[in-house]
């Protein structure tokens, strides 16, 4: 498991039924591409978040595959329709097999 990995998500707490909301997510992760060498000339192993998935009440909203060229601390901003009250689940998958999860609820106003 990578050190100091922390997912952060910003989702409105309430929305009108059918409203389009903006979601922002960021995960603190060093994202090593596997192409650099350390001070002794050894290749530093690749260590990236390779997939990000957001779902609302079990239905996929966004599913992104990330490659080695992605920057440190990947940030995503996207829109989603809120048809009803429910939960957004966010999942980040790491090369080392670690899975980081966060859940945010949205109520209908």
C-alpha atoms as a PDB file:
ATOM      1  CA  UNK A   1       0.000   0.000   0.000  1.00  0.00           C
ATOM      2  CA  UNK A   2       1.350   3.417  -0.940  1.00  0.00           C
ATOM      3  CA  UNK A   3       2.024   5.765   1.963  1.00  0.00           C
ATOM      4  CA  UNK A   4      -0.108   8.790   2.852  1.00  0.00           C
ATOM      5  CA  UNK A   5      -2.778   8.088   0.227  1.00  0.00           C
ATOM      6  CA  UNK A   6      -5.867  10.130   1.033  1.00  0.00           C
ATOM      7  CA  UNK A   7      -8.973  10.402  -1.158  1.00  0.00           C
ATOM      8  CA  UNK A   8     -11.008  13.611  -0.975  1.00  0.00           C
ATOM      9  CA  UNK A   9     -14.393  14.198  -2.577  1.00  0.00           C
ATOM     10  CA  UNK A  10     -16.683  17.220  -2.774  1.00  0.00           C
ATOM     11  CA  UNK A  11     -20.360  16.504  -3.490  1.00  0.00           C
ATOM     12  CA  UNK A  12     -23.328  18.794  -2.664  1.00  0.00           C
ATOM     13  CA  UNK A  13     -25.269  17.512   0.367  1.00  0.00           C
ATOM     14  CA  UNK A  14     -28.617  18.272  -1.259  1.00  0.00           C
ATOM     15  CA  UNK A  15     -29.970  18.582  -4.789  1.00  0.00           C
ATOM     16  CA  UNK A  16     -33.330  18.777  -6.538  1.00  0.00           C
ATOM     17  CA  UNK A  17     -34.519  15.590  -8.232  1.00  0.00           C
ATOM     18  CA  UNK A  18     -33.105  15.558 -11.767  1.00  0.00           C
ATOM     19  CA  UNK A  19     -30.560  18.290 -11.012  1.00  0.00           C
ATOM     20  CA  UNK A  20     -27.101  18.156 -12.581  1.00  0.00           C
ATOM     21  CA  UNK A  21     -24.423  18.565  -9.909  1.00  0.00           C
ATOM     22  CA  UNK A  22     -20.673  19.041 -10.108  1.00  0.00           C
ATOM     23  CA  UNK A  23     -18.482  16.502  -8.348  1.00  0.00           C
ATOM     24  CA  UNK A  24     -14.802  17.022  -7.554  1.00  0.00           C
ATOM     25  CA  UNK A  25     -12.415  14.294  -6.463  1.00  0.00           C
ATOM     26  CA  UNK A  26      -8.725  14.258  -5.649  1.00  0.00           C
ATOM     27  CA  UNK A  27      -6.517  11.526  -4.292  1.00  0.00           C
ATOM     28  CA  UNK A  28      -3.144  12.252  -2.719  1.00  0.00           C
ATOM     29  CA  UNK A  29      -0.740   9.817  -4.384  1.00  0.00           C
ATOM     30  CA  UNK A  30       2.848  10.199  -5.628  1.00  0.00           C
ATOM     31  CA  UNK A  31       2.182   8.399  -8.933  1.00  0.00           C
ATOM     32  CA  UNK A  32       5.578   6.945  -9.874  1.00  0.00           C
ATOM     33  CA  UNK A  33       5.678   6.183 -13.629  1.00  0.00           C
ATOM     34  CA  UNK A  34       8.261   3.385 -13.492  1.00  0.00           C
ATOM     35  CA  UNK A  35      10.585   5.230 -15.863  1.00  0.00           C
ATOM     36  CA  UNK A  36      12.765   7.111 -13.362  1.00  0.00           C
ATOM     37  CA  UNK A  37      15.847   5.824 -11.556  1.00  0.00           C
ATOM     38  CA  UNK A  38      16.905   6.298  -7.956  1.00  0.00           C
ATOM     39  CA  UNK A  39      20.288   7.629  -6.817  1.00  0.00           C
ATOM     40  CA  UNK A  40      21.894   4.200  -7.334  1.00  0.00           C
ATOM     41  CA  UNK A  41      20.630   3.870 -10.909  1.00  0.00           C
ATOM     42  CA  UNK A  42      17.888   1.357 -10.107  1.00  0.00           C
ATOM     43  CA  UNK A  43      14.516   1.765 -11.790  1.00  0.00           C
ATOM     44  CA  UNK A  44      11.865   2.985  -9.352  1.00  0.00           C
ATOM     45  CA  UNK A  45       8.901   0.595  -9.739  1.00  0.00           C
ATOM     46  CA  UNK A  46       5.695   1.915 -11.253  1.00  0.00           C
ATOM     47  CA  UNK A  47       3.147   2.875  -8.619  1.00  0.00           C
ATOM     48  CA  UNK A  48       0.065   4.680  -9.902  1.00  0.00           C
ATOM     49  CA  UNK A  49      -3.660   4.856  -9.384  1.00  0.00           C
ATOM     50  CA  UNK A  50      -4.654   2.910 -12.494  1.00  0.00           C
ATOM     51  CA  UNK A  51      -8.448   3.208 -12.322  1.00  0.00           C
ATOM     52  CA  UNK A  52     -11.083   5.538 -10.877  1.00  0.00           C
ATOM     53  CA  UNK A  53     -14.779   4.645 -10.670  1.00  0.00           C
ATOM     54  CA  UNK A  54     -17.740   6.676  -9.420  1.00  0.00           C
ATOM     55  CA  UNK A  55     -21.183   5.112  -9.045  1.00  0.00           C
ATOM     56  CA  UNK A  56     -24.546   6.459  -7.855  1.00  0.00           C
ATOM     57  CA  UNK A  57     -26.749   3.918  -6.063  1.00  0.00           C
ATOM     58  CA  UNK A  58     -24.784   1.143  -7.774  1.00  0.00           C
ATOM     59  CA  UNK A  59     -25.001   2.586 -11.306  1.00  0.00           C
ATOM     60  CA  UNK A  60     -21.691   3.642 -12.882  1.00  0.00           C
ATOM     61  CA  UNK A  61     -21.367   7.373 -13.487  1.00  0.00           C
ATOM     62  CA  UNK A  62     -17.731   7.439 -14.629  1.00  0.00           C
ATOM     63  CA  UNK A  63     -15.051   4.764 -15.080  1.00  0.00           C
ATOM     64  CA  UNK A  64     -11.565   6.018 -15.986  1.00  0.00           C
ATOM     65  CA  UNK A  65      -8.412   4.024 -16.772  1.00  0.00           C
ATOM     66  CA  UNK A  66      -5.204   5.905 -15.929  1.00  0.00           C
ATOM     67  CA  UNK A  67      -1.779   5.385 -17.493  1.00  0.00           C
ATOM     68  CA  UNK A  68       1.778   6.193 -16.395  1.00  0.00           C
ATOM     69  CA  UNK A  69       1.685   9.761 -17.768  1.00  0.00           C
ATOM     70  CA  UNK A  70      -0.949  10.889 -15.242  1.00  0.00           C
ATOM     71  CA  UNK A  71       0.168  13.560 -12.789  1.00  0.00           C
ATOM     72  CA  UNK A  72       0.708  13.287  -9.068  1.00  0.00           C
ATOM     73  CA  UNK A  73      -2.486  13.650  -7.005  1.00  0.00           C
ATOM     74  CA  UNK A  74      -5.001  13.028  -9.830  1.00  0.00           C
ATOM     75  CA  UNK A  75      -8.002  15.374  -9.777  1.00  0.00           C
ATOM     76  CA  UNK A  76     -11.311  14.748 -11.523  1.00  0.00           C
ATOM     77  CA  UNK A  77     -14.210  17.155 -11.930  1.00  0.00           C
ATOM     78  CA  UNK A  78     -17.360  15.936 -13.654  1.00  0.00           C
ATOM     79  CA  UNK A  79     -21.126  16.341 -13.652  1.00  0.00           C
ATOM     80  CA  UNK A  80     -23.795  13.839 -12.690  1.00  0.00           C
ATOM     81  CA  UNK A  81     -27.583  13.834 -12.628  1.00  0.00           C
ATOM     82  CA  UNK A  82     -29.199  13.149  -9.260  1.00  0.00           C
ATOM     83  CA  UNK A  83     -32.519  11.402 -10.009  1.00  0.00           C
ATOM     84  CA  UNK A  84     -33.215  10.542  -6.356  1.00  0.00           C
ATOM     85  CA  UNK A  85     -31.650  10.597  -2.916  1.00  0.00           C
ATOM     86  CA  UNK A  86     -28.749   8.214  -2.615  1.00  0.00           C
ATOM     87  CA  UNK A  87     -25.065   7.563  -2.291  1.00  0.00           C
ATOM     88  CA  UNK A  88     -22.169   8.302  -4.583  1.00  0.00           C
ATOM     89  CA  UNK A  89     -19.406   5.735  -4.136  1.00  0.00           C
ATOM     90  CA  UNK A  90     -15.875   6.516  -5.285  1.00  0.00           C
ATOM     91  CA  UNK A  91     -13.200   3.858  -5.776  1.00  0.00           C
ATOM     92  CA  UNK A  92      -9.545   4.270  -6.715  1.00  0.00           C
ATOM     93  CA  UNK A  93      -7.443   1.214  -7.669  1.00  0.00           C
ATOM     94  CA  UNK A  94      -3.666   1.194  -7.077  1.00  0.00           C
ATOM     95  CA  UNK A  95      -1.037  -0.830  -8.972  1.00  0.00           C
ATOM     96  CA  UNK A  96      -0.084  -2.573  -5.718  1.00  0.00           C
ATOM     97  CA  UNK A  97      -3.618  -3.981  -5.365  1.00  0.00           C
ATOM     98  CA  UNK A  98      -4.774  -1.428  -2.809  1.00  0.00           C
ATOM     99  CA  UNK A  99      -8.293  -0.071  -3.160  1.00  0.00           C
ATOM    100  CA  UNK A 100      -9.305   3.280  -1.693  1.00  0.00           C
ATOM    101  CA  UNK A 101     -12.978   4.070  -1.193  1.00  0.00           C
ATOM    102  CA  UNK A 102     -15.121   7.019  -0.182  1.00  0.00           C
ATOM    103  CA  UNK A 103     -18.904   7.454  -0.063  1.00  0.00           C
ATOM    104  CA  UNK A 104     -20.951  10.666  -0.065  1.00  0.00           C
ATOM    105  CA  UNK A 105     -24.727  10.914   0.360  1.00  0.00           C
ATOM    106  CA  UNK A 106     -27.024  13.328  -1.456  1.00  0.00           C
ATOM    107  CA  UNK A 107     -30.491  14.200  -0.136  1.00  0.00           C
ATOM    108  CA  UNK A 108     -33.326  15.555  -2.279  1.00  0.00           C
ATOM    109  CA  UNK A 109     -34.229  19.112  -1.307  1.00  0.00           C
END
